Amino acid sequence: MEKTVDPSRTLTVGEVARRSGVPVSTVHFYESKGLIASTRNSGNQRRFDSVVLRYIAIIKVAQRTGIPLDEIRDALRGLPAGSKPNAQQWQAMSRRWKDSLNERIEQLTRLRDELMHCIGCGCLSMNECPLRNPADILGQQGPGPQILERKLETGVAS
């Protein structure tokens, strides 16, 4: 069902950019990624419902915490079209992101704690360096930095 928008409550892309504090190019980018939507007026100009300001605020907060745009889009799609998220809906979005954020915090903490042991120390120890990879055994576990991306098991890095 097509949502009807009160033309007096719509904003131009410039107004959205000014009021949300993001550049016009960012507004267009968010729209191209399906995070926000616009309609067209009779002159074929983009118009945004004022609720888009709330969506952009959510996007900015989520991005600052490192939540990928795909996850943000999925959460926003769970809201009724054109509605401002209420407290319950915001709590539901927050719960969806909490596990991902906690995992990222664990990874960053481990990286911070182990960084000084390997990079720039000059020890070149083949016995103690946690980044050593004899016989390329880590290559069998898949691509990427396997040691840095490993999961914590029972609170101890594996």
N, C-alpha and C. Protein backbone atom coordinates (compact mmCIF):
# COMPACT_ATOMS: atom_id res chain seq x y z
N MET A 1 0.84 -1.18 0.00
CA MET A 1 0.00 0.00 0.00
C MET A 1 0.89 1.24 0.00
N GLU A 2 0.67 2.15 -0.90
CA GLU A 2 1.46 3.37 -1.04
C GLU A 2 1.12 4.32 0.10
N LYS A 3 2.16 4.81 0.74
CA LYS A 3 1.97 5.75 1.85
C LYS A 3 1.74 7.14 1.29
N THR A 4 0.72 7.81 1.76
CA THR A 4 0.48 9.19 1.33
C THR A 4 1.19 10.12 2.29
N VAL A 5 1.88 11.10 1.75
CA VAL A 5 2.67 12.02 2.54
C VAL A 5 2.04 13.40 2.48
N ASP A 6 1.89 14.01 3.63
CA ASP A 6 1.39 15.39 3.71
C ASP A 6 2.47 16.30 3.14
N PRO A 7 2.24 16.97 2.00
CA PRO A 7 3.28 17.78 1.37
C PRO A 7 3.84 18.87 2.27
N SER A 8 3.06 19.33 3.23
CA SER A 8 3.56 20.38 4.12
C SER A 8 4.57 19.82 5.12
N ARG A 9 4.65 18.51 5.27
CA ARG A 9 5.57 17.87 6.21
C ARG A 9 6.76 17.23 5.52
N THR A 10 6.92 17.48 4.23
CA THR A 10 8.04 16.90 3.52
C THR A 10 9.20 17.89 3.45
N LEU A 11 10.38 17.33 3.27
CA LEU A 11 11.60 18.14 3.25
C LEU A 11 12.35 17.90 1.96
N THR A 12 13.03 18.93 1.49
CA THR A 12 13.91 18.77 0.34
C THR A 12 15.18 18.07 0.82
N VAL A 13 15.98 17.60 -0.12
CA VAL A 13 17.22 16.94 0.24
C VAL A 13 18.14 17.91 0.98
N GLY A 14 18.13 19.18 0.59
CA GLY A 14 18.94 20.18 1.28
C GLY A 14 18.49 20.40 2.71
N GLU A 15 17.18 20.42 2.92
CA GLU A 15 16.66 20.58 4.29
C GLU A 15 17.01 19.37 5.15
N VAL A 16 16.92 18.18 4.57
CA VAL A 16 17.28 16.97 5.31
C VAL A 16 18.76 17.04 5.70
N ALA A 17 19.61 17.43 4.76
CA ALA A 17 21.04 17.52 5.03
C ALA A 17 21.32 18.54 6.14
N ARG A 18 20.72 19.69 6.04
CA ARG A 18 20.95 20.75 7.03
C ARG A 18 20.48 20.32 8.41
N ARG A 19 19.27 19.78 8.48
CA ARG A 19 18.69 19.43 9.78
C ARG A 19 19.31 18.19 10.40
N SER A 20 19.81 17.27 9.58
CA SER A 20 20.40 16.04 10.10
C SER A 20 21.90 16.18 10.36
N GLY A 21 22.52 17.19 9.74
CA GLY A 21 23.94 17.39 9.93
C GLY A 21 24.82 16.51 9.06
N VAL A 22 24.25 15.94 8.00
CA VAL A 22 25.05 15.15 7.06
C VAL A 22 25.04 15.84 5.70
N PRO A 23 26.06 15.64 4.90
CA PRO A 23 26.07 16.25 3.56
C PRO A 23 24.97 15.69 2.67
N VAL A 24 24.59 16.45 1.66
CA VAL A 24 23.58 16.00 0.68
C VAL A 24 24.01 14.67 0.08
N SER A 25 25.30 14.52 -0.20
CA SER A 25 25.78 13.27 -0.80
C SER A 25 25.52 12.08 0.12
N THR A 26 25.57 12.29 1.42
CA THR A 26 25.28 11.21 2.38
C THR A 26 23.80 10.87 2.36
N VAL A 27 22.95 11.87 2.26
CA VAL A 27 21.51 11.61 2.15
C VAL A 27 21.24 10.75 0.92
N HIS A 28 21.84 11.11 -0.21
CA HIS A 28 21.67 10.32 -1.43
C HIS A 28 22.24 8.91 -1.26
N PHE A 29 23.38 8.80 -0.58
CA PHE A 29 23.99 7.49 -0.35
C PHE A 29 23.07 6.61 0.50
N TYR A 30 22.56 7.16 1.60
CA TYR A 30 21.64 6.40 2.45
C TYR A 30 20.42 5.94 1.65
N GLU A 31 19.92 6.81 0.79
CA GLU A 31 18.76 6.43 -0.03
C GLU A 31 19.14 5.31 -1.00
N SER A 32 20.31 5.41 -1.61
CA SER A 32 20.72 4.39 -2.58
C SER A 32 20.93 3.03 -1.91
N LYS A 33 21.25 3.03 -0.62
CA LYS A 33 21.45 1.79 0.13
C LYS A 33 20.16 1.26 0.75
N GLY A 34 19.05 1.96 0.55
CA GLY A 34 17.77 1.50 1.07
C GLY A 34 17.57 1.79 2.55
N LEU A 35 18.35 2.70 3.10
CA LEU A 35 18.21 3.05 4.51
C LEU A 35 17.10 4.07 4.75
N ILE A 36 16.90 4.94 3.79
CA ILE A 36 15.84 5.94 3.84
C ILE A 36 15.17 5.97 2.47
N ALA A 37 14.01 6.60 2.40
CA ALA A 37 13.28 6.66 1.12
C ALA A 37 12.72 8.06 0.90
N SER A 38 12.56 8.39 -0.35
CA SER A 38 11.94 9.67 -0.71
C SER A 38 10.78 9.40 -1.66
N THR A 39 10.01 10.44 -1.86
CA THR A 39 8.96 10.42 -2.88
C THR A 39 9.32 11.51 -3.88
N ARG A 40 8.56 11.61 -4.92
CA ARG A 40 8.78 12.67 -5.92
C ARG A 40 7.54 13.54 -5.97
N ASN A 41 7.75 14.85 -6.07
CA ASN A 41 6.60 15.74 -6.20
C ASN A 41 6.23 15.87 -7.68
N SER A 42 5.26 16.72 -7.99
CA SER A 42 4.80 16.85 -9.37
C SER A 42 5.89 17.39 -10.30
N GLY A 43 6.89 18.07 -9.74
CA GLY A 43 8.02 18.57 -10.53
C GLY A 43 9.17 17.57 -10.56
N ASN A 44 8.93 16.35 -10.09
CA ASN A 44 9.91 15.25 -10.06
C ASN A 44 11.08 15.54 -9.12
N GLN A 45 10.86 16.38 -8.12
CA GLN A 45 11.89 16.66 -7.13
C GLN A 45 11.72 15.73 -5.93
N ARG A 46 12.85 15.30 -5.37
CA ARG A 46 12.81 14.43 -4.19
C ARG A 46 12.21 15.18 -3.01
N ARG A 47 11.39 14.47 -2.27
CA ARG A 47 10.86 14.99 -1.01
C ARG A 47 10.93 13.86 0.01
N PHE A 48 11.33 14.23 1.22
CA PHE A 48 11.48 13.27 2.30
C PHE A 48 10.48 13.58 3.40
N ASP A 49 9.87 12.54 3.92
CA ASP A 49 9.01 12.70 5.08
C ASP A 49 9.90 13.09 6.26
N SER A 50 9.39 13.87 7.18
CA SER A 50 10.21 14.35 8.30
C SER A 50 10.74 13.21 9.18
N VAL A 51 10.12 12.04 9.14
CA VAL A 51 10.59 10.91 9.93
C VAL A 51 12.00 10.49 9.51
N VAL A 52 12.41 10.86 8.31
CA VAL A 52 13.74 10.51 7.82
C VAL A 52 14.82 11.09 8.74
N LEU A 53 14.54 12.19 9.42
CA LEU A 53 15.50 12.78 10.34
C LEU A 53 15.79 11.83 11.50
N ARG A 54 14.77 11.16 11.99
CA ARG A 54 14.95 10.18 13.06
C ARG A 54 15.75 8.99 12.55
N TYR A 55 15.45 8.54 11.34
CA TYR A 55 16.17 7.41 10.76
C TYR A 55 17.66 7.75 10.59
N ILE A 56 17.95 8.95 10.12
CA ILE A 56 19.35 9.34 9.94
C ILE A 56 20.06 9.41 11.29
N ALA A 57 19.37 9.88 12.32
CA ALA A 57 19.97 9.90 13.66
C ALA A 57 20.31 8.48 14.11
N ILE A 58 19.42 7.53 13.88
CA ILE A 58 19.68 6.13 14.23
C ILE A 58 20.85 5.59 13.43
N ILE A 59 20.88 5.89 12.14
CA ILE A 59 21.97 5.43 11.27
C ILE A 59 23.30 5.96 11.78
N LYS A 60 23.36 7.24 12.11
CA LYS A 60 24.61 7.85 12.57
C LYS A 60 25.08 7.22 13.88
N VAL A 61 24.18 7.00 14.82
CA VAL A 61 24.53 6.38 16.10
C VAL A 61 25.03 4.95 15.85
N ALA A 62 24.31 4.21 15.03
CA ALA A 62 24.70 2.82 14.75
C ALA A 62 26.05 2.77 14.04
N GLN A 63 26.28 3.65 13.09
CA GLN A 63 27.56 3.67 12.39
C GLN A 63 28.71 3.99 13.34
N ARG A 64 28.49 4.88 14.28
CA ARG A 64 29.56 5.22 15.23
C ARG A 64 29.97 4.02 16.07
N THR A 65 29.06 3.11 16.28
CA THR A 65 29.39 1.91 17.05
C THR A 65 29.94 0.80 16.17
N GLY A 66 30.00 1.04 14.87
CA GLY A 66 30.60 0.06 13.96
C GLY A 66 29.62 -0.93 13.38
N ILE A 67 28.34 -0.69 13.52
CA ILE A 67 27.35 -1.61 12.97
C ILE A 67 27.32 -1.44 11.46
N PRO A 68 27.45 -2.54 10.72
CA PRO A 68 27.44 -2.45 9.25
C PRO A 68 26.11 -1.93 8.72
N LEU A 69 26.17 -1.24 7.58
CA LEU A 69 24.96 -0.66 6.98
C LEU A 69 23.91 -1.72 6.68
N ASP A 70 24.32 -2.92 6.30
CA ASP A 70 23.34 -3.99 6.03
C ASP A 70 22.51 -4.30 7.28
N GLU A 71 23.17 -4.35 8.44
CA GLU A 71 22.44 -4.63 9.68
C GLU A 71 21.52 -3.46 10.05
N ILE A 72 21.99 -2.25 9.80
CA ILE A 72 21.16 -1.07 10.07
C ILE A 72 19.93 -1.10 9.18
N ARG A 73 20.13 -1.37 7.89
CA ARG A 73 19.01 -1.43 6.95
C ARG A 73 18.00 -2.49 7.37
N ASP A 74 18.49 -3.67 7.76
CA ASP A 74 17.58 -4.74 8.18
C ASP A 74 16.75 -4.32 9.39
N ALA A 75 17.38 -3.64 10.33
CA ALA A 75 16.66 -3.18 11.52
C ALA A 75 15.61 -2.14 11.15
N LEU A 76 15.97 -1.20 10.28
CA LEU A 76 15.02 -0.16 9.89
C LEU A 76 13.86 -0.73 9.09
N ARG A 77 14.13 -1.76 8.31
CA ARG A 77 13.05 -2.39 7.54
C ARG A 77 12.03 -3.07 8.43
N GLY A 78 12.43 -3.37 9.66
CA GLY A 78 11.51 -3.99 10.61
C GLY A 78 10.51 -3.01 11.20
N LEU A 79 10.68 -1.73 10.90
CA LEU A 79 9.75 -0.72 11.42
C LEU A 79 8.60 -0.53 10.44
N PRO A 80 7.42 -0.17 10.95
CA PRO A 80 6.32 0.16 10.05
C PRO A 80 6.71 1.34 9.16
N ALA A 81 6.36 1.28 7.89
CA ALA A 81 6.75 2.31 6.91
C ALA A 81 6.34 3.70 7.38
N GLY A 82 7.30 4.61 7.36
CA GLY A 82 7.02 6.01 7.67
C GLY A 82 6.76 6.32 9.12
N SER A 83 7.02 5.38 10.01
CA SER A 83 6.74 5.65 11.43
C SER A 83 8.02 5.96 12.18
N LYS A 84 7.91 6.79 13.20
CA LYS A 84 9.04 7.05 14.07
C LYS A 84 9.14 5.88 15.05
N PRO A 85 10.34 5.36 15.25
CA PRO A 85 10.47 4.25 16.19
C PRO A 85 10.10 4.69 17.60
N ASN A 86 9.31 3.87 18.26
CA ASN A 86 8.98 4.17 19.65
C ASN A 86 10.01 3.48 20.55
N ALA A 87 9.85 3.61 21.85
CA ALA A 87 10.82 3.06 22.80
C ALA A 87 10.95 1.55 22.66
N GLN A 88 9.84 0.85 22.48
CA GLN A 88 9.89 -0.61 22.34
C GLN A 88 10.63 -1.02 21.06
N GLN A 89 10.37 -0.31 19.98
CA GLN A 89 11.04 -0.63 18.72
C GLN A 89 12.54 -0.34 18.82
N TRP A 90 12.91 0.76 19.49
CA TRP A 90 14.32 1.07 19.67
C TRP A 90 14.99 -0.01 20.52
N GLN A 91 14.33 -0.48 21.56
CA GLN A 91 14.89 -1.54 22.40
C GLN A 91 15.08 -2.82 21.60
N ALA A 92 14.15 -3.13 20.72
CA ALA A 92 14.28 -4.32 19.88
C ALA A 92 15.49 -4.19 18.95
N MET A 93 15.66 -3.00 18.35
CA MET A 93 16.83 -2.78 17.48
C MET A 93 18.11 -2.91 18.30
N SER A 94 18.13 -2.34 19.48
CA SER A 94 19.31 -2.37 20.33
C SER A 94 19.68 -3.80 20.71
N ARG A 95 18.68 -4.61 21.03
CA ARG A 95 18.94 -6.01 21.38
C ARG A 95 19.57 -6.75 20.21
N ARG A 96 19.10 -6.46 18.99
CA ARG A 96 19.65 -7.12 17.80
C ARG A 96 21.12 -6.82 17.64
N TRP A 97 21.55 -5.64 18.02
CA TRP A 97 22.93 -5.21 17.82
C TRP A 97 23.84 -5.53 18.99
N LYS A 98 23.29 -5.83 20.15
CA LYS A 98 24.09 -5.99 21.37
C LYS A 98 25.12 -7.11 21.24
N ASP A 99 24.73 -8.29 20.76
CA ASP A 99 25.68 -9.40 20.64
C ASP A 99 26.81 -9.06 19.69
N SER A 100 26.47 -8.45 18.58
CA SER A 100 27.48 -8.05 17.60
C SER A 100 28.46 -7.05 18.21
N LEU A 101 27.94 -6.10 18.97
CA LEU A 101 28.81 -5.10 19.60
C LEU A 101 29.69 -5.74 20.67
N ASN A 102 29.13 -6.65 21.47
CA ASN A 102 29.93 -7.32 22.49
C ASN A 102 31.06 -8.14 21.87
N GLU A 103 30.78 -8.81 20.76
CA GLU A 103 31.82 -9.58 20.07
C GLU A 103 32.91 -8.64 19.56
N ARG A 104 32.52 -7.52 19.00
CA ARG A 104 33.49 -6.55 18.48
C ARG A 104 34.34 -5.98 19.63
N ILE A 105 33.72 -5.72 20.77
CA ILE A 105 34.45 -5.22 21.94
C ILE A 105 35.49 -6.24 22.39
N GLU A 106 35.12 -7.53 22.42
CA GLU A 106 36.07 -8.58 22.80
C GLU A 106 37.25 -8.63 21.83
N GLN A 107 36.96 -8.53 20.53
CA GLN A 107 38.03 -8.56 19.53
C GLN A 107 38.97 -7.37 19.69
N LEU A 108 38.40 -6.19 19.88
CA LEU A 108 39.23 -4.99 20.03
C LEU A 108 40.05 -5.03 21.31
N THR A 109 39.47 -5.54 22.39
CA THR A 109 40.20 -5.65 23.64
C THR A 109 41.37 -6.62 23.48
N ARG A 110 41.12 -7.75 22.85
CA ARG A 110 42.19 -8.73 22.62
C ARG A 110 43.27 -8.13 21.73
N LEU A 111 42.89 -7.44 20.68
CA LEU A 111 43.87 -6.81 19.79
C LEU A 111 44.70 -5.79 20.57
N ARG A 112 44.04 -4.96 21.36
CA ARG A 112 44.75 -3.96 22.15
C ARG A 112 45.75 -4.62 23.10
N ASP A 113 45.30 -5.69 23.78
CA ASP A 113 46.16 -6.34 24.76
C ASP A 113 47.31 -7.10 24.13
N GLU A 114 47.13 -7.60 22.91
CA GLU A 114 48.18 -8.41 22.28
C GLU A 114 49.04 -7.62 21.30
N LEU A 115 48.62 -6.44 20.95
CA LEU A 115 49.31 -5.67 19.93
C LEU A 115 50.77 -5.41 20.26
N MET A 116 51.07 -5.03 21.48
CA MET A 116 52.43 -4.70 21.85
C MET A 116 53.33 -5.93 21.92
N HIS A 117 52.76 -7.11 22.01
CA HIS A 117 53.57 -8.32 22.09
C HIS A 117 54.18 -8.71 20.75
N CYS A 118 53.62 -8.24 19.66
CA CYS A 118 54.05 -8.76 18.36
C CYS A 118 54.51 -7.71 17.38
N ILE A 119 53.93 -6.58 17.42
CA ILE A 119 54.21 -5.62 16.36
C ILE A 119 55.15 -4.55 16.89
N GLY A 120 56.30 -4.45 16.24
CA GLY A 120 57.25 -3.42 16.61
C GLY A 120 58.17 -3.77 17.75
N CYS A 121 58.04 -4.96 18.35
CA CYS A 121 58.91 -5.28 19.48
C CYS A 121 60.28 -5.75 19.02
N GLY A 122 60.37 -6.36 17.83
CA GLY A 122 61.64 -6.81 17.30
C GLY A 122 62.14 -8.11 17.87
N CYS A 123 61.31 -8.80 18.64
CA CYS A 123 61.80 -10.03 19.28
C CYS A 123 62.01 -11.16 18.27
N LEU A 124 61.17 -11.24 17.28
CA LEU A 124 61.23 -12.30 16.27
C LEU A 124 61.30 -13.69 16.89
N SER A 125 60.67 -13.87 18.01
CA SER A 125 60.68 -15.16 18.69
C SER A 125 59.77 -16.15 17.98
N MET A 126 60.32 -17.28 17.60
CA MET A 126 59.51 -18.31 16.96
C MET A 126 58.82 -19.19 18.00
N ASN A 127 59.16 -19.02 19.26
CA ASN A 127 58.55 -19.83 20.32
C ASN A 127 57.44 -19.11 21.06
N GLU A 128 57.55 -17.80 21.19
CA GLU A 128 56.60 -17.06 22.01
C GLU A 128 55.65 -16.17 21.22
N CYS A 129 55.99 -15.83 20.00
CA CYS A 129 55.17 -14.89 19.23
C CYS A 129 53.81 -15.50 18.91
N PRO A 130 52.71 -14.86 19.34
CA PRO A 130 51.39 -15.43 19.05
C PRO A 130 50.99 -15.31 17.58
N LEU A 131 51.77 -14.60 16.78
CA LEU A 131 51.45 -14.50 15.36
C LEU A 131 52.23 -15.49 14.50
N ARG A 132 53.06 -16.31 15.12
CA ARG A 132 53.81 -17.28 14.32
C ARG A 132 52.84 -18.28 13.71
N ASN A 133 53.24 -18.87 12.61
CA ASN A 133 52.34 -19.75 11.88
C ASN A 133 53.15 -20.89 11.23
N PRO A 134 53.71 -21.77 12.07
CA PRO A 134 54.54 -22.84 11.50
C PRO A 134 53.73 -23.74 10.56
N ALA A 135 54.35 -24.08 9.43
CA ALA A 135 53.76 -24.97 8.42
C ALA A 135 52.44 -24.42 7.89
N ASP A 136 52.22 -23.14 8.02
CA ASP A 136 51.01 -22.48 7.53
C ASP A 136 49.73 -23.18 7.99
N ILE A 137 49.73 -23.61 9.24
CA ILE A 137 48.54 -24.31 9.76
C ILE A 137 47.31 -23.40 9.79
N LEU A 138 47.54 -22.09 9.93
CA LEU A 138 46.40 -21.17 9.96
C LEU A 138 45.74 -21.04 8.59
N GLY A 139 46.51 -21.28 7.53
CA GLY A 139 45.95 -21.22 6.19
C GLY A 139 44.87 -22.26 5.97
N GLN A 140 44.93 -23.35 6.73
CA GLN A 140 43.92 -24.41 6.61
C GLN A 140 42.61 -24.01 7.27
N GLN A 141 42.65 -23.00 8.13
CA GLN A 141 41.44 -22.55 8.83
C GLN A 141 40.64 -21.54 8.02
N GLY A 142 41.22 -21.06 6.92
CA GLY A 142 40.50 -20.12 6.08
C GLY A 142 41.29 -18.85 5.85
N PRO A 143 40.72 -17.95 5.05
CA PRO A 143 41.42 -16.71 4.72
C PRO A 143 41.36 -15.69 5.85
N GLY A 144 42.22 -14.71 5.76
CA GLY A 144 42.19 -13.60 6.70
C GLY A 144 43.05 -13.82 7.91
N PRO A 145 43.06 -12.84 8.82
CA PRO A 145 43.89 -12.90 10.02
C PRO A 145 43.26 -13.82 11.07
N GLN A 146 43.52 -15.11 10.95
CA GLN A 146 42.88 -16.11 11.81
C GLN A 146 43.14 -15.88 13.29
N ILE A 147 44.35 -15.49 13.65
CA ILE A 147 44.66 -15.31 15.07
C ILE A 147 43.86 -14.14 15.65
N LEU A 148 43.82 -13.05 14.94
CA LEU A 148 43.11 -11.88 15.45
C LEU A 148 41.60 -12.05 15.42
N GLU A 149 41.10 -12.92 14.55
CA GLU A 149 39.65 -13.11 14.44
C GLU A 149 39.15 -14.32 15.22
N ARG A 150 40.03 -14.98 15.94
CA ARG A 150 39.61 -16.18 16.68
C ARG A 150 38.59 -15.81 17.75
N LYS A 151 37.79 -16.77 18.09
CA LYS A 151 36.76 -16.57 19.11
C LYS A 151 37.35 -16.85 20.49
N LEU A 152 36.84 -16.15 21.48
CA LEU A 152 37.25 -16.43 22.84
C LEU A 152 36.47 -17.62 23.36
N GLU A 153 37.18 -18.56 23.96
CA GLU A 153 36.52 -19.73 24.52
C GLU A 153 36.70 -19.69 26.03
N THR A 154 35.64 -19.76 26.75
CA THR A 154 35.62 -19.71 28.22
C THR A 154 36.47 -18.59 28.78
N GLY A 155 36.42 -17.44 28.08
CA GLY A 155 37.10 -16.27 28.58
C GLY A 155 38.60 -16.24 28.31
N VAL A 156 39.15 -17.27 27.67
CA VAL A 156 40.58 -17.32 27.38
C VAL A 156 40.76 -17.40 25.88
N ALA A 157 41.66 -16.62 25.35
CA ALA A 157 41.92 -16.65 23.90
C ALA A 157 42.51 -17.98 23.52
N SER A 158 42.04 -18.54 22.40
CA SER A 158 42.55 -19.82 21.95
C SER A 158 43.75 -19.65 21.07
